[in-house]
Amino acid sequence: MNFPDLIFFAIAAATMAGALVTVLARSVIYALMGLVLTMFGIAGLYIYLNSPFLAMMQILILRGCGYGFLSPLRSCWQAQCTGTPGSGQGQ
């Protein structure tokens, strides 16, 4: 087994680990971290396959997915921190 094969298997293992964390996590934050690892792993596989355009598109999809995933949670976190639902203002 040569070095490129080891790189491929390492990226594939990281991608699969991130997917498992995403599915099996009980916390939303851990699921998001697993999703980030999975998306970066897929982008790494695209780079390994010598397709940098698809890798950049995967990173941009990750960015949009992160915003869409965290936007509803942001108002919930603000309500817990300040005690006022959705205002984002202190008391």
C-alpha atoms as a PDB file:
ATOM      1  CA  MET A   1       0.000   0.000   0.000  1.00  0.00           C
ATOM      2  CA  ASN A   2       1.503   3.311  -1.040  1.00  0.00           C
ATOM      3  CA  PHE A   3       1.140   6.839   0.337  1.00  0.00           C
ATOM      4  CA  PRO A   4      -1.788   8.044  -1.879  1.00  0.00           C
ATOM      5  CA  ASP A   5      -3.794   5.010  -0.819  1.00  0.00           C
ATOM      6  CA  LEU A   6      -3.183   5.853   2.831  1.00  0.00           C
ATOM      7  CA  ILE A   7      -4.336   9.427   2.259  1.00  0.00           C
ATOM      8  CA  PHE A   8      -7.497   8.186   0.556  1.00  0.00           C
ATOM      9  CA  PHE A   9      -8.324   5.773   3.363  1.00  0.00           C
ATOM     10  CA  ALA A  10      -7.658   8.444   6.004  1.00  0.00           C
ATOM     11  CA  ILE A  11      -9.997  10.922   4.288  1.00  0.00           C
ATOM     12  CA  ALA A  12     -12.633   8.234   3.760  1.00  0.00           C
ATOM     13  CA  ALA A  13     -12.412   7.156   7.413  1.00  0.00           C
ATOM     14  CA  ALA A  14     -12.773  10.762   8.605  1.00  0.00           C
ATOM     15  CA  THR A  15     -15.792  11.214   6.334  1.00  0.00           C
ATOM     16  CA  MET A  16     -17.454   8.068   7.642  1.00  0.00           C
ATOM     17  CA  ALA A  17     -16.687   9.007  11.248  1.00  0.00           C
ATOM     18  CA  GLY A  18     -18.259  12.421  10.726  1.00  0.00           C
ATOM     19  CA  ALA A  19     -21.345  10.835   9.189  1.00  0.00           C
ATOM     20  CA  LEU A  20     -21.707   8.483  12.147  1.00  0.00           C
ATOM     21  CA  VAL A  21     -21.328  11.344  14.615  1.00  0.00           C
ATOM     22  CA  THR A  22     -23.966  13.311  12.698  1.00  0.00           C
ATOM     23  CA  VAL A  23     -26.469  10.474  12.841  1.00  0.00           C
ATOM     24  CA  LEU A  24     -25.786   9.185  16.352  1.00  0.00           C
ATOM     25  CA  ALA A  25     -25.209  12.448  18.257  1.00  0.00           C
ATOM     26  CA  ARG A  26     -27.726  13.359  20.932  1.00  0.00           C
ATOM     27  CA  SER A  27     -26.711  17.008  20.944  1.00  0.00           C
ATOM     28  CA  VAL A  28     -27.397  19.357  18.052  1.00  0.00           C
ATOM     29  CA  ILE A  29     -23.957  20.914  18.407  1.00  0.00           C
ATOM     30  CA  TYR A  30     -22.197  17.546  18.135  1.00  0.00           C
ATOM     31  CA  ALA A  31     -24.354  16.688  15.127  1.00  0.00           C
ATOM     32  CA  LEU A  32     -23.302  19.945  13.492  1.00  0.00           C
ATOM     33  CA  MET A  33     -19.631  19.177  14.203  1.00  0.00           C
ATOM     34  CA  GLY A  34     -20.081  15.762  12.597  1.00  0.00           C
ATOM     35  CA  LEU A  35     -21.741  17.387   9.603  1.00  0.00           C
ATOM     36  CA  VAL A  36     -18.806  19.782   9.222  1.00  0.00           C
ATOM     37  CA  LEU A  37     -16.343  16.883   9.372  1.00  0.00           C
ATOM     38  CA  THR A  38     -18.367  14.966   6.790  1.00  0.00           C
ATOM     39  CA  MET A  39     -18.581  17.889   4.382  1.00  0.00           C
ATOM     40  CA  PHE A  40     -14.861  18.647   4.674  1.00  0.00           C
ATOM     41  CA  GLY A  41     -14.139  14.951   4.147  1.00  0.00           C
ATOM     42  CA  ILE A  42     -16.195  14.938   0.968  1.00  0.00           C
ATOM     43  CA  ALA A  43     -14.379  18.081  -0.188  1.00  0.00           C
ATOM     44  CA  GLY A  44     -11.085  16.324   0.571  1.00  0.00           C
ATOM     45  CA  LEU A  45     -12.162  13.372  -1.554  1.00  0.00           C
ATOM     46  CA  TYR A  46     -12.971  15.755  -4.403  1.00  0.00           C
ATOM     47  CA  ILE A  47      -9.520  17.305  -4.102  1.00  0.00           C
ATOM     48  CA  TYR A  48      -8.015  13.815  -4.061  1.00  0.00           C
ATOM     49  CA  LEU A  49      -9.892  13.090  -7.303  1.00  0.00           C
ATOM     50  CA  ASN A  50      -8.337  16.259  -8.800  1.00  0.00           C
ATOM     51  CA  SER A  51     -11.608  18.192  -8.949  1.00  0.00           C
ATOM     52  CA  PRO A  52     -11.070  21.451  -7.051  1.00  0.00           C
ATOM     53  CA  PHE A  53     -14.235  23.100  -8.422  1.00  0.00           C
ATOM     54  CA  LEU A  54     -16.455  20.440  -6.857  1.00  0.00           C
ATOM     55  CA  ALA A  55     -14.470  20.724  -3.623  1.00  0.00           C
ATOM     56  CA  MET A  56     -15.134  24.479  -3.451  1.00  0.00           C
ATOM     57  CA  MET A  57     -18.827  23.924  -4.204  1.00  0.00           C
ATOM     58  CA  GLN A  58     -18.950  21.415  -1.361  1.00  0.00           C
ATOM     59  CA  ILE A  59     -17.400  23.969   1.016  1.00  0.00           C
ATOM     60  CA  LEU A  60     -19.950  26.594  -0.095  1.00  0.00           C
ATOM     61  CA  ILE A  61     -22.778  24.114   0.477  1.00  0.00           C
ATOM     62  CA  LEU A  62     -21.345  23.471   3.936  1.00  0.00           C
ATOM     63  CA  ARG A  63     -21.389  27.192   4.672  1.00  0.00           C
ATOM     64  CA  GLY A  64     -25.018  27.544   3.578  1.00  0.00           C
ATOM     65  CA  CYS A  65     -26.031  24.451   5.482  1.00  0.00           C
ATOM     66  CA  GLY A  66     -24.356  25.755   8.631  1.00  0.00           C
ATOM     67  CA  TYR A  67     -26.187  29.056   8.392  1.00  0.00           C
ATOM     68  CA  GLY A  68     -29.506  27.345   7.750  1.00  0.00           C
ATOM     69  CA  PHE A  69     -28.905  24.935  10.604  1.00  0.00           C
ATOM     70  CA  LEU A  70     -27.800  27.514  13.169  1.00  0.00           C
ATOM     71  CA  SER A  71     -30.181  30.389  12.371  1.00  0.00           C
ATOM     72  CA  PRO A  72     -33.203  28.895  14.175  1.00  0.00           C
ATOM     73  CA  LEU A  73     -31.021  27.979  17.133  1.00  0.00           C
ATOM     74  CA  ARG A  74     -29.601  31.483  17.481  1.00  0.00           C
ATOM     75  CA  SER A  75     -32.900  32.987  18.626  1.00  0.00           C
ATOM     76  CA  CYS A  76     -33.359  30.112  21.052  1.00  0.00           C
ATOM     77  CA  TRP A  77     -29.884  30.699  22.529  1.00  0.00           C
ATOM     78  CA  GLN A  78     -30.552  34.436  22.816  1.00  0.00           C
ATOM     79  CA  ALA A  79     -33.814  33.751  24.640  1.00  0.00           C
ATOM     80  CA  GLN A  80     -32.050  31.470  27.119  1.00  0.00           C
ATOM     81  CA  CYS A  81     -29.205  33.918  27.735  1.00  0.00           C
ATOM     82  CA  THR A  82     -31.250  37.108  28.107  1.00  0.00           C
ATOM     83  CA  GLY A  83     -34.592  35.822  29.309  1.00  0.00           C
ATOM     84  CA  THR A  84     -36.496  37.631  26.543  1.00  0.00           C
ATOM     85  CA  PRO A  85     -37.659  35.491  23.658  1.00  0.00           C
ATOM     86  CA  GLY A  86     -36.150  36.463  20.330  1.00  0.00           C
ATOM     87  CA  SER A  87     -35.273  40.051  21.214  1.00  0.00           C
ATOM     88  CA  GLY A  88     -31.525  39.679  21.511  1.00  0.00           C
ATOM     89  CA  GLN A  89     -31.552  42.624  23.930  1.00  0.00           C
ATOM     90  CA  GLY A  90     -30.542  42.545  27.577  1.00  0.00           C
ATOM     91  CA  GLN A  91     -33.081  43.096  30.322  1.00  0.00           C
END
